[in-house]
N, C-alpha and C. Protein backbone atom coordinates (compact mmCIF):
# COMPACT_ATOMS: atom_id res chain seq x y z
N MET A 1 109.73 134.43 106.05
CA MET A 1 109.83 132.98 106.33
C MET A 1 110.84 132.21 105.57
N LYS A 2 111.17 132.73 104.27
CA LYS A 2 112.20 132.06 103.40
C LYS A 2 113.54 131.87 104.06
N PRO A 3 114.11 132.88 104.75
CA PRO A 3 115.42 132.70 105.33
C PRO A 3 115.43 131.62 106.43
N ILE A 4 114.31 131.41 107.05
CA ILE A 4 114.25 130.49 108.18
C ILE A 4 114.51 129.05 107.88
N LEU A 5 114.06 128.62 106.69
CA LEU A 5 114.22 127.17 106.31
C LEU A 5 115.62 126.85 106.06
N PRO A 6 116.42 127.67 105.28
CA PRO A 6 117.85 127.26 105.16
C PRO A 6 118.62 127.30 106.48
N LEU A 7 118.27 128.23 107.34
CA LEU A 7 118.87 128.29 108.71
C LEU A 7 118.63 127.01 109.45
N ALA A 8 117.37 126.58 109.49
CA ALA A 8 116.94 125.40 110.23
C ALA A 8 117.74 124.15 109.66
N LEU A 9 117.75 124.06 108.30
CA LEU A 9 118.52 122.92 107.66
C LEU A 9 119.92 122.88 108.01
N ALA A 10 120.58 124.12 107.99
CA ALA A 10 121.98 124.20 108.39
C ALA A 10 122.21 123.78 109.79
N LEU A 11 121.30 124.21 110.73
CA LEU A 11 121.46 123.90 112.13
C LEU A 11 121.23 122.36 112.30
N ALA A 12 120.29 121.73 111.62
CA ALA A 12 120.13 120.26 111.68
C ALA A 12 121.28 119.53 111.25
N ALA A 13 122.00 120.05 110.23
CA ALA A 13 123.15 119.31 109.72
C ALA A 13 124.32 119.25 110.69
N VAL A 14 124.52 120.32 111.62
CA VAL A 14 125.61 120.32 112.47
C VAL A 14 125.34 119.82 113.92
N LEU A 15 124.04 119.59 114.13
CA LEU A 15 123.66 119.04 115.44
C LEU A 15 124.09 117.64 115.58
N PRO A 16 124.52 117.18 116.84
CA PRO A 16 124.98 115.81 116.96
C PRO A 16 123.80 114.94 117.00
N THR A 17 124.05 113.57 116.83
CA THR A 17 123.03 112.57 116.85
C THR A 17 122.46 112.52 118.30
N ALA A 18 121.12 112.59 118.42
CA ALA A 18 120.38 112.71 119.65
C ALA A 18 120.38 111.26 120.34
N HIS A 19 120.38 111.25 121.64
CA HIS A 19 120.16 109.96 122.28
C HIS A 19 118.57 109.87 122.39
N ALA A 20 117.97 108.89 121.82
CA ALA A 20 116.53 108.82 121.79
C ALA A 20 115.89 108.73 123.16
N ALA A 21 114.87 109.48 123.34
CA ALA A 21 114.13 109.44 124.64
C ALA A 21 113.40 108.13 124.76
N GLN A 22 113.34 107.65 126.03
CA GLN A 22 112.75 106.38 126.28
C GLN A 22 111.68 106.54 127.32
N ALA A 23 110.72 105.65 127.34
CA ALA A 23 109.74 105.64 128.53
C ALA A 23 110.49 105.43 129.83
N GLY A 24 110.18 106.20 130.81
CA GLY A 24 110.89 106.20 132.08
C GLY A 24 112.09 107.16 132.27
N ASP A 25 112.41 107.93 131.12
CA ASP A 25 113.44 108.90 131.28
C ASP A 25 113.02 110.12 132.10
N TRP A 26 113.92 110.65 132.78
CA TRP A 26 113.73 111.97 133.46
C TRP A 26 114.62 113.08 132.70
N GLU A 27 114.11 114.34 132.69
CA GLU A 27 115.01 115.36 132.17
C GLU A 27 114.81 116.57 133.04
N VAL A 28 115.92 117.12 133.53
CA VAL A 28 115.95 118.39 134.29
C VAL A 28 116.49 119.56 133.32
N LYS A 29 115.77 120.66 133.42
CA LYS A 29 116.21 121.86 132.67
C LYS A 29 116.39 123.09 133.53
N LEU A 30 117.46 123.73 133.36
CA LEU A 30 117.77 124.96 134.02
C LEU A 30 117.85 126.05 133.02
N GLY A 31 117.10 127.23 133.24
CA GLY A 31 117.04 128.19 132.34
C GLY A 31 116.67 129.54 132.84
N VAL A 32 116.37 130.42 131.92
CA VAL A 32 115.97 131.79 132.28
C VAL A 32 114.72 132.22 131.48
N HIS A 33 113.63 132.64 132.12
CA HIS A 33 112.37 132.92 131.46
C HIS A 33 111.87 134.35 131.80
N ALA A 34 111.17 134.92 130.95
CA ALA A 34 110.48 136.27 131.16
C ALA A 34 109.03 136.05 131.24
N VAL A 35 108.35 136.55 132.28
CA VAL A 35 106.92 136.66 132.38
C VAL A 35 106.51 138.03 131.87
N ASP A 36 105.79 138.00 130.75
CA ASP A 36 105.35 139.28 130.07
C ASP A 36 103.90 139.33 130.05
N PRO A 37 103.28 140.08 130.98
CA PRO A 37 101.86 140.16 131.10
C PRO A 37 101.27 140.86 129.77
N LYS A 38 99.95 140.49 129.48
CA LYS A 38 99.41 141.12 128.31
C LYS A 38 99.20 142.58 128.54
N SER A 39 98.94 143.39 127.47
CA SER A 39 99.04 144.85 127.59
C SER A 39 97.81 145.39 128.30
N ASP A 40 96.65 144.76 128.27
CA ASP A 40 95.45 145.32 128.93
C ASP A 40 95.17 144.44 130.21
N ASN A 41 95.48 144.97 131.39
CA ASN A 41 95.25 144.18 132.58
C ASN A 41 94.08 144.54 133.37
N GLY A 42 93.15 145.26 132.68
CA GLY A 42 91.94 145.60 133.28
C GLY A 42 91.89 146.90 134.10
N THR A 43 90.78 147.11 134.79
CA THR A 43 90.68 148.38 135.63
C THR A 43 90.12 148.01 137.01
N LEU A 44 90.48 148.94 137.97
CA LEU A 44 90.07 148.81 139.38
C LEU A 44 89.07 149.99 139.63
N ALA A 45 88.44 149.84 140.86
CA ALA A 45 87.63 150.88 141.39
C ALA A 45 86.44 151.24 140.37
N GLY A 46 85.79 150.22 139.85
CA GLY A 46 84.62 150.47 139.01
C GLY A 46 85.06 151.05 137.63
N GLY A 47 86.31 150.72 137.16
CA GLY A 47 86.74 151.25 135.87
C GLY A 47 87.48 152.55 135.98
N ALA A 48 87.64 153.12 137.23
CA ALA A 48 88.26 154.41 137.33
C ALA A 48 89.73 154.37 137.12
N LEU A 49 90.40 153.20 137.42
CA LEU A 49 91.92 153.13 137.46
C LEU A 49 92.37 152.11 136.54
N LYS A 50 93.13 152.52 135.46
CA LYS A 50 93.69 151.51 134.51
C LYS A 50 94.88 150.86 135.20
N THR A 51 94.87 149.42 135.05
CA THR A 51 95.92 148.69 135.73
C THR A 51 96.93 148.17 134.69
N ASP A 52 98.23 148.34 135.01
CA ASP A 52 99.31 147.87 134.25
C ASP A 52 100.31 147.11 135.01
N VAL A 53 100.55 145.83 134.63
CA VAL A 53 101.52 144.96 135.38
C VAL A 53 102.75 144.75 134.51
N GLY A 54 103.90 145.02 135.11
CA GLY A 54 105.13 145.05 134.42
C GLY A 54 105.69 143.61 134.21
N SER A 55 106.75 143.41 133.44
CA SER A 55 107.34 142.18 133.18
C SER A 55 108.41 141.84 134.29
N SER A 56 108.92 140.57 134.17
CA SER A 56 109.92 140.12 135.17
C SER A 56 110.60 139.02 134.54
N VAL A 57 111.99 138.94 134.80
CA VAL A 57 112.82 137.83 134.33
C VAL A 57 113.50 137.10 135.53
N ARG A 58 113.43 135.84 135.49
CA ARG A 58 114.01 135.06 136.60
C ARG A 58 114.50 133.66 136.17
N PRO A 59 115.49 133.10 136.90
CA PRO A 59 115.94 131.72 136.69
C PRO A 59 114.78 130.71 136.84
N THR A 60 114.71 129.61 136.14
CA THR A 60 113.68 128.58 136.18
C THR A 60 114.32 127.30 136.18
N ILE A 61 113.46 126.29 136.65
CA ILE A 61 113.93 124.86 136.68
C ILE A 61 112.63 124.12 136.34
N SER A 62 112.84 123.06 135.54
CA SER A 62 111.69 122.18 135.20
C SER A 62 112.21 120.74 135.26
N LEU A 63 111.32 119.79 135.47
CA LEU A 63 111.53 118.42 135.57
C LEU A 63 110.53 117.61 134.79
N GLU A 64 110.89 116.79 133.83
CA GLU A 64 109.89 116.13 133.00
C GLU A 64 110.20 114.54 133.08
N TYR A 65 109.07 113.88 133.15
CA TYR A 65 109.12 112.37 133.16
C TYR A 65 108.46 111.91 131.86
N ARG A 66 109.10 110.99 131.17
CA ARG A 66 108.52 110.39 129.91
C ARG A 66 107.67 109.22 130.25
N ILE A 67 106.44 109.33 129.95
CA ILE A 67 105.52 108.14 130.21
C ILE A 67 105.76 107.30 128.95
N THR A 68 105.87 107.88 127.75
CA THR A 68 106.28 107.16 126.54
C THR A 68 107.39 108.02 125.83
N PRO A 69 108.02 107.57 124.85
CA PRO A 69 108.99 108.48 124.20
C PRO A 69 108.42 109.84 123.71
N ASN A 70 107.11 109.79 123.33
CA ASN A 70 106.44 111.00 122.89
C ASN A 70 105.75 111.79 123.98
N LEU A 71 105.32 111.08 125.01
CA LEU A 71 104.49 111.78 125.98
C LEU A 71 105.18 111.93 127.33
N GLY A 72 105.10 113.13 127.82
CA GLY A 72 105.75 113.42 129.06
C GLY A 72 104.94 114.35 130.05
N VAL A 73 105.28 114.28 131.25
CA VAL A 73 104.67 115.17 132.27
C VAL A 73 105.75 116.12 132.79
N GLU A 74 105.49 117.34 132.73
CA GLU A 74 106.53 118.31 133.16
C GLU A 74 106.03 119.25 134.25
N VAL A 75 106.89 119.50 135.28
CA VAL A 75 106.67 120.48 136.28
C VAL A 75 107.51 121.62 136.17
N LEU A 76 107.13 122.87 136.12
CA LEU A 76 107.93 124.03 135.99
C LEU A 76 107.92 124.82 137.37
N GLY A 77 109.11 125.22 137.77
CA GLY A 77 109.24 126.08 138.92
C GLY A 77 110.20 127.28 138.67
N ALA A 78 110.31 128.19 139.57
CA ALA A 78 111.16 129.33 139.35
C ALA A 78 111.44 130.02 140.70
N LEU A 79 112.50 130.89 140.61
CA LEU A 79 112.60 131.84 141.71
C LEU A 79 111.50 132.85 141.66
N PRO A 80 111.10 133.54 142.64
CA PRO A 80 109.95 134.44 142.72
C PRO A 80 110.09 135.52 141.62
N PHE A 81 109.12 135.75 140.77
CA PHE A 81 109.09 136.83 139.91
C PHE A 81 108.56 138.05 140.59
N GLN A 82 108.94 139.21 140.29
CA GLN A 82 108.58 140.45 140.92
C GLN A 82 108.11 141.41 139.85
N HIS A 83 106.89 141.90 140.10
CA HIS A 83 106.22 142.83 139.12
C HIS A 83 105.92 144.17 139.78
N ASP A 84 106.10 145.26 138.97
CA ASP A 84 105.61 146.57 139.39
C ASP A 84 104.14 146.66 138.91
N VAL A 85 103.29 147.21 139.71
CA VAL A 85 101.85 147.49 139.36
C VAL A 85 101.69 149.02 139.33
N ARG A 86 101.13 149.39 138.11
CA ARG A 86 100.83 150.89 138.03
C ARG A 86 99.34 151.08 137.86
N LEU A 87 98.92 152.11 138.52
CA LEU A 87 97.44 152.55 138.41
C LEU A 87 97.40 153.91 137.67
N ASP A 88 96.83 154.00 136.46
CA ASP A 88 96.78 155.22 135.66
C ASP A 88 98.18 155.80 135.57
N GLY A 89 99.18 154.91 135.39
CA GLY A 89 100.58 155.33 135.11
C GLY A 89 101.43 155.46 136.26
N ALA A 90 100.80 155.55 137.52
CA ALA A 90 101.58 155.81 138.79
C ALA A 90 101.86 154.50 139.41
N LYS A 91 103.11 154.37 139.82
CA LYS A 91 103.52 153.13 140.50
C LYS A 91 102.79 153.03 141.79
N ALA A 92 102.00 151.80 141.91
CA ALA A 92 101.21 151.76 143.08
C ALA A 92 101.60 150.57 144.00
N ALA A 93 102.43 149.58 143.44
CA ALA A 93 102.81 148.49 144.28
C ALA A 93 103.83 147.65 143.57
N SER A 94 104.61 146.96 144.27
CA SER A 94 105.41 145.87 143.79
C SER A 94 104.96 144.51 144.44
N VAL A 95 104.97 143.43 143.66
CA VAL A 95 104.45 142.18 144.16
C VAL A 95 105.34 141.11 143.66
N LYS A 96 105.52 140.05 144.46
CA LYS A 96 106.17 138.81 144.03
C LYS A 96 105.17 137.73 143.78
N GLN A 97 105.56 136.75 142.93
CA GLN A 97 104.58 135.63 142.61
C GLN A 97 105.42 134.40 142.23
N LEU A 98 104.82 133.32 142.56
CA LEU A 98 105.39 131.99 142.18
C LEU A 98 104.36 131.26 141.30
N PRO A 99 104.70 130.85 140.08
CA PRO A 99 103.69 130.25 139.21
C PRO A 99 104.01 128.82 138.81
N PRO A 100 103.99 127.87 139.83
CA PRO A 100 104.31 126.51 139.39
C PRO A 100 103.20 125.97 138.41
N THR A 101 103.71 125.14 137.47
CA THR A 101 102.81 124.72 136.38
C THR A 101 103.05 123.29 136.01
N VAL A 102 102.03 122.56 135.89
CA VAL A 102 102.20 121.09 135.55
C VAL A 102 101.56 120.96 134.19
N SER A 103 102.30 120.40 133.24
CA SER A 103 101.83 120.26 131.81
C SER A 103 102.00 118.72 131.38
N LEU A 104 101.08 118.32 130.47
CA LEU A 104 101.23 117.13 129.75
C LEU A 104 101.86 117.50 128.33
N GLN A 105 102.97 116.92 127.93
CA GLN A 105 103.71 117.34 126.77
C GLN A 105 103.68 116.30 125.78
N TRP A 106 103.57 116.68 124.48
CA TRP A 106 103.61 115.71 123.38
C TRP A 106 104.93 116.14 122.48
N HIS A 107 105.84 115.22 122.40
CA HIS A 107 107.06 115.39 121.59
C HIS A 107 106.92 114.73 120.26
N PHE A 108 107.08 115.56 119.18
CA PHE A 108 106.86 115.00 117.80
C PHE A 108 107.97 114.17 117.32
N LEU A 109 109.24 114.54 117.78
CA LEU A 109 110.41 113.74 117.24
C LEU A 109 111.34 113.41 118.42
N PRO A 110 110.89 112.52 119.23
CA PRO A 110 111.70 112.26 120.42
C PRO A 110 113.11 111.63 120.20
N ASP A 111 113.35 111.09 119.07
CA ASP A 111 114.66 110.54 118.64
C ASP A 111 115.39 111.44 117.74
N GLY A 112 114.87 112.64 117.38
CA GLY A 112 115.49 113.55 116.49
C GLY A 112 116.38 114.58 117.14
N ARG A 113 117.27 115.14 116.23
CA ARG A 113 118.16 116.14 116.68
C ARG A 113 117.44 117.47 116.96
N ILE A 114 116.28 117.57 116.31
CA ILE A 114 115.39 118.77 116.55
C ILE A 114 114.00 118.22 116.89
N ASP A 115 113.53 118.57 118.19
CA ASP A 115 112.39 117.94 118.69
C ASP A 115 111.26 119.02 119.09
N PRO A 116 110.39 119.34 118.15
CA PRO A 116 109.29 120.32 118.53
C PRO A 116 108.31 119.54 119.45
N PHE A 117 107.67 120.42 120.28
CA PHE A 117 106.74 119.84 121.30
C PHE A 117 105.64 120.85 121.59
N VAL A 118 104.48 120.33 122.04
CA VAL A 118 103.37 121.09 122.54
C VAL A 118 102.96 120.55 123.89
N GLY A 119 102.17 121.39 124.67
CA GLY A 119 101.83 120.82 125.99
C GLY A 119 100.55 121.65 126.40
N LEU A 120 99.87 121.03 127.43
CA LEU A 120 98.68 121.65 128.01
C LEU A 120 98.63 121.31 129.42
N GLY A 121 98.39 122.21 130.29
CA GLY A 121 98.44 121.95 131.62
C GLY A 121 97.63 122.91 132.60
N LEU A 122 98.07 122.87 133.89
CA LEU A 122 97.37 123.73 134.92
C LEU A 122 98.44 124.48 135.66
N ASN A 123 98.08 125.75 135.89
CA ASN A 123 98.95 126.68 136.61
C ASN A 123 98.39 127.18 137.99
N TYR A 124 99.16 127.25 138.94
CA TYR A 124 98.77 127.86 140.26
C TYR A 124 99.69 129.00 140.52
N THR A 125 99.21 130.21 140.77
CA THR A 125 100.00 131.37 141.00
C THR A 125 99.67 131.94 142.39
N ARG A 126 100.59 132.12 143.20
CA ARG A 126 100.51 132.69 144.44
C ARG A 126 101.18 134.01 144.58
N PHE A 127 100.60 135.07 145.06
CA PHE A 127 101.04 136.39 145.19
C PHE A 127 101.49 136.64 146.69
N PHE A 128 102.57 137.30 146.80
CA PHE A 128 103.02 137.67 148.19
C PHE A 128 104.03 138.77 148.23
N SER A 129 104.44 139.23 149.39
CA SER A 129 105.42 140.29 149.60
C SER A 129 105.02 141.56 148.77
N ILE A 130 103.78 141.95 149.03
CA ILE A 130 103.21 143.10 148.35
C ILE A 130 103.63 144.42 149.04
N ASP A 131 104.25 145.27 148.32
CA ASP A 131 104.68 146.59 148.85
C ASP A 131 103.85 147.75 148.28
N GLU A 132 102.98 148.29 148.91
CA GLU A 132 102.08 149.39 148.49
C GLU A 132 102.89 150.72 148.45
N LYS A 133 102.61 151.47 147.31
CA LYS A 133 103.37 152.76 147.16
C LYS A 133 102.39 153.72 146.47
N GLY A 134 102.80 154.97 146.37
CA GLY A 134 102.15 156.00 145.60
C GLY A 134 100.64 156.03 145.99
N PRO A 135 99.81 155.84 145.10
CA PRO A 135 98.26 155.94 145.40
C PRO A 135 97.83 154.94 146.41
N LEU A 136 98.55 153.89 146.60
CA LEU A 136 98.07 152.84 147.55
C LEU A 136 98.93 152.97 148.88
N ALA A 137 99.76 153.83 148.95
CA ALA A 137 100.55 154.02 150.25
C ALA A 137 99.57 154.20 151.47
N GLY A 138 99.83 153.51 152.49
CA GLY A 138 99.01 153.48 153.69
C GLY A 138 97.84 152.57 153.68
N THR A 139 97.64 151.83 152.54
CA THR A 139 96.59 150.83 152.50
C THR A 139 97.22 149.45 152.48
N ARG A 140 96.28 148.42 152.58
CA ARG A 140 96.73 147.05 152.41
C ARG A 140 96.13 146.43 151.08
N LEU A 141 97.00 146.06 150.18
CA LEU A 141 96.57 145.48 148.93
C LEU A 141 96.71 143.90 149.01
N ASP A 142 95.65 143.21 148.76
CA ASP A 142 95.73 141.75 148.69
C ASP A 142 95.37 141.26 147.33
N LEU A 143 96.07 140.21 146.81
CA LEU A 143 95.74 139.66 145.54
C LEU A 143 95.60 138.11 145.80
N ASP A 144 94.39 137.61 145.32
CA ASP A 144 93.97 136.24 145.57
C ASP A 144 94.86 135.34 144.76
N ASP A 145 95.03 134.08 145.23
CA ASP A 145 95.71 133.10 144.40
C ASP A 145 94.91 132.80 143.10
N SER A 146 95.59 132.34 142.08
CA SER A 146 94.98 132.11 140.78
C SER A 146 95.25 130.69 140.31
N TRP A 147 94.19 130.03 139.77
CA TRP A 147 94.34 128.75 139.09
C TRP A 147 93.92 129.01 137.58
N GLY A 148 94.59 128.41 136.72
CA GLY A 148 94.22 128.66 135.28
C GLY A 148 94.95 127.66 134.34
N VAL A 149 94.49 127.53 133.16
CA VAL A 149 94.99 126.67 132.05
C VAL A 149 96.35 127.32 131.64
N ALA A 150 97.26 126.47 131.17
CA ALA A 150 98.58 126.95 130.66
C ALA A 150 98.78 126.01 129.34
N ALA A 151 99.08 126.76 128.22
CA ALA A 151 99.41 126.22 126.96
C ALA A 151 100.88 126.37 126.73
N HIS A 152 101.61 125.46 126.06
CA HIS A 152 103.00 125.33 125.99
C HIS A 152 103.44 124.93 124.61
N ALA A 153 104.50 125.53 124.10
CA ALA A 153 105.03 125.07 122.75
C ALA A 153 106.52 125.39 122.78
N GLY A 154 107.34 124.52 122.15
CA GLY A 154 108.72 124.85 122.11
C GLY A 154 109.49 123.86 121.16
N VAL A 155 110.80 124.01 121.06
CA VAL A 155 111.67 123.26 120.31
C VAL A 155 112.91 122.86 121.13
N ALA A 156 113.30 121.60 121.17
CA ALA A 156 114.50 121.16 121.86
C ALA A 156 115.56 120.78 120.78
N PHE A 157 116.78 121.27 121.00
CA PHE A 157 117.93 121.00 119.98
C PHE A 157 118.94 120.22 120.82
N ALA A 158 119.23 118.93 120.24
CA ALA A 158 120.25 118.14 120.79
C ALA A 158 121.62 118.86 120.80
N LEU A 159 122.30 118.78 121.92
CA LEU A 159 123.65 119.40 121.95
C LEU A 159 124.77 118.32 121.97
N ALA A 160 124.66 117.29 122.88
CA ALA A 160 125.60 116.25 122.97
C ALA A 160 125.05 115.14 123.82
N ASP A 161 124.75 113.99 123.11
CA ASP A 161 124.22 112.84 123.72
C ASP A 161 122.89 113.17 124.50
N ARG A 162 123.00 113.31 125.80
CA ARG A 162 121.75 113.51 126.63
C ARG A 162 121.56 114.98 126.89
N TRP A 163 122.38 115.95 126.36
CA TRP A 163 122.17 117.31 126.67
C TRP A 163 121.38 117.92 125.52
N SER A 164 120.58 119.07 126.01
CA SER A 164 119.77 119.73 124.92
C SER A 164 119.68 121.14 125.28
N LEU A 165 119.27 122.00 124.33
CA LEU A 165 118.97 123.46 124.47
C LEU A 165 117.49 123.57 124.07
N THR A 166 116.66 124.13 124.94
CA THR A 166 115.25 124.38 124.59
C THR A 166 114.93 125.76 124.59
N THR A 167 114.15 126.11 123.63
CA THR A 167 113.53 127.51 123.53
C THR A 167 112.07 127.29 123.51
N ASP A 168 111.18 128.00 124.42
CA ASP A 168 109.77 127.62 124.53
C ASP A 168 109.06 128.90 124.93
N VAL A 169 107.76 128.81 124.71
CA VAL A 169 106.81 129.89 125.18
C VAL A 169 105.56 129.24 125.75
N ARG A 170 105.05 129.85 126.81
CA ARG A 170 103.79 129.53 127.50
C ARG A 170 102.76 130.71 127.45
N TRP A 171 101.53 130.32 127.31
CA TRP A 171 100.55 131.29 127.63
C TRP A 171 99.77 130.71 128.81
N ILE A 172 99.75 131.63 129.86
CA ILE A 172 99.06 131.19 131.18
C ILE A 172 97.89 132.04 131.60
N ARG A 173 96.81 131.51 131.90
CA ARG A 173 95.69 132.23 132.27
C ARG A 173 95.79 132.58 133.78
N ILE A 174 96.18 133.87 134.11
CA ILE A 174 96.37 134.30 135.48
C ILE A 174 95.45 135.45 135.75
N ARG A 175 94.42 135.27 136.62
CA ARG A 175 93.55 136.37 136.97
C ARG A 175 93.40 136.36 138.45
N THR A 176 93.40 137.57 139.07
CA THR A 176 93.27 137.62 140.57
C THR A 176 92.37 138.72 141.00
N ASP A 177 91.60 138.52 142.00
CA ASP A 177 90.76 139.58 142.59
C ASP A 177 91.64 140.43 143.50
N ALA A 178 91.54 141.70 143.41
CA ALA A 178 92.31 142.65 144.13
C ALA A 178 91.38 143.20 145.24
N LYS A 179 91.91 143.35 146.48
CA LYS A 179 91.23 143.89 147.59
C LYS A 179 92.17 144.93 148.21
N VAL A 180 91.55 146.05 148.56
CA VAL A 180 92.22 147.11 149.27
C VAL A 180 91.53 147.36 150.63
N ASP A 181 92.28 147.12 151.66
CA ASP A 181 91.76 147.14 153.06
C ASP A 181 90.61 146.23 153.21
N GLY A 182 90.67 145.07 152.55
CA GLY A 182 89.63 144.09 152.69
C GLY A 182 88.49 144.18 151.68
N ALA A 183 88.31 145.31 150.98
CA ALA A 183 87.19 145.54 150.06
C ALA A 183 87.64 145.21 148.66
N LYS A 184 86.81 144.34 147.94
CA LYS A 184 87.29 144.01 146.55
C LYS A 184 87.12 145.26 145.69
N VAL A 185 88.17 145.57 144.93
CA VAL A 185 88.07 146.72 144.00
C VAL A 185 88.13 146.36 142.49
N GLY A 186 88.22 144.99 142.27
CA GLY A 186 88.20 144.62 140.86
C GLY A 186 89.12 143.42 140.60
N THR A 187 89.21 142.99 139.33
CA THR A 187 90.03 141.92 138.94
C THR A 187 91.14 142.25 137.97
N VAL A 188 92.31 141.79 138.33
CA VAL A 188 93.58 142.04 137.44
C VAL A 188 93.75 140.81 136.47
N ASP A 189 93.67 141.09 135.29
CA ASP A 189 93.88 140.06 134.23
C ASP A 189 95.32 140.15 133.73
N ILE A 190 96.08 139.13 134.16
CA ILE A 190 97.53 139.22 133.81
C ILE A 190 97.81 138.37 132.57
N ASP A 191 97.36 137.13 132.48
CA ASP A 191 97.45 136.34 131.29
C ASP A 191 98.70 136.47 130.52
N PRO A 192 99.84 136.17 131.10
CA PRO A 192 101.19 136.49 130.42
C PRO A 192 101.62 135.46 129.41
N LEU A 193 102.49 135.89 128.45
CA LEU A 193 103.31 134.97 127.80
C LEU A 193 104.54 134.78 128.61
N VAL A 194 105.05 133.57 128.76
CA VAL A 194 106.27 133.26 129.46
C VAL A 194 107.29 132.51 128.41
N TYR A 195 108.38 133.20 128.27
CA TYR A 195 109.25 132.72 127.11
C TYR A 195 110.71 132.71 127.54
N GLY A 196 111.58 131.77 127.02
CA GLY A 196 112.89 131.76 127.51
C GLY A 196 113.68 130.68 126.79
N LEU A 197 114.84 130.40 127.47
CA LEU A 197 115.85 129.32 127.08
C LEU A 197 116.21 128.52 128.30
N ALA A 198 116.51 127.17 128.01
CA ALA A 198 116.94 126.35 129.15
C ALA A 198 117.87 125.27 128.59
N VAL A 199 118.84 124.87 129.41
CA VAL A 199 119.70 123.75 129.06
C VAL A 199 119.17 122.53 129.87
N GLY A 200 119.07 121.37 129.24
CA GLY A 200 118.49 120.24 129.80
C GLY A 200 119.47 119.09 129.70
N TYR A 201 119.25 118.09 130.75
CA TYR A 201 119.96 116.87 130.77
C TYR A 201 118.98 115.78 131.07
N ARG A 202 118.99 114.69 130.23
CA ARG A 202 118.02 113.52 130.38
C ARG A 202 118.81 112.33 131.01
N PHE A 203 118.19 111.72 131.87
CA PHE A 203 118.84 110.57 132.60
C PHE A 203 117.79 109.53 132.88
């Protein structure tokens, strides 16, 4: 932890003066994020098959509206993420998903050159374009849509006037019932961390 404080102080010294956020401001952010599912994704077929969901990286876009300088509402979107699904180590499917998320954000230093923030919101995840392979070849795999809470934290660094660079991480509760040929075979617990970088412009 000791080397981090001097680095943060040095970064703060060279950052430009921030344009203070105001109520009514909008900010759009373009970035790249990784969806990294937790290590234990559950089992299917009554515990017989261990499930593993792979990670995915895609471009993202978010839009935030400031209700007050400190309080904002953000909507996160992305190009479809694609994940490999393995059963007992064998690749069984690839699946795409879209995870739009709406969050209420609290900015601690809205007029600062470094602005840490936290947020809490709701995620909706839709699964589609499922390609069955290996042990699931010749079957039809369906994954139900998921609704869940999403927690958010990050830091925004002022770059120039209204421009910023943000690094952030989310934890999202994503759980889906899996069906093979119409019969439920279990629940997949994805619950990923979503982390990345984005460049923002406030207007």
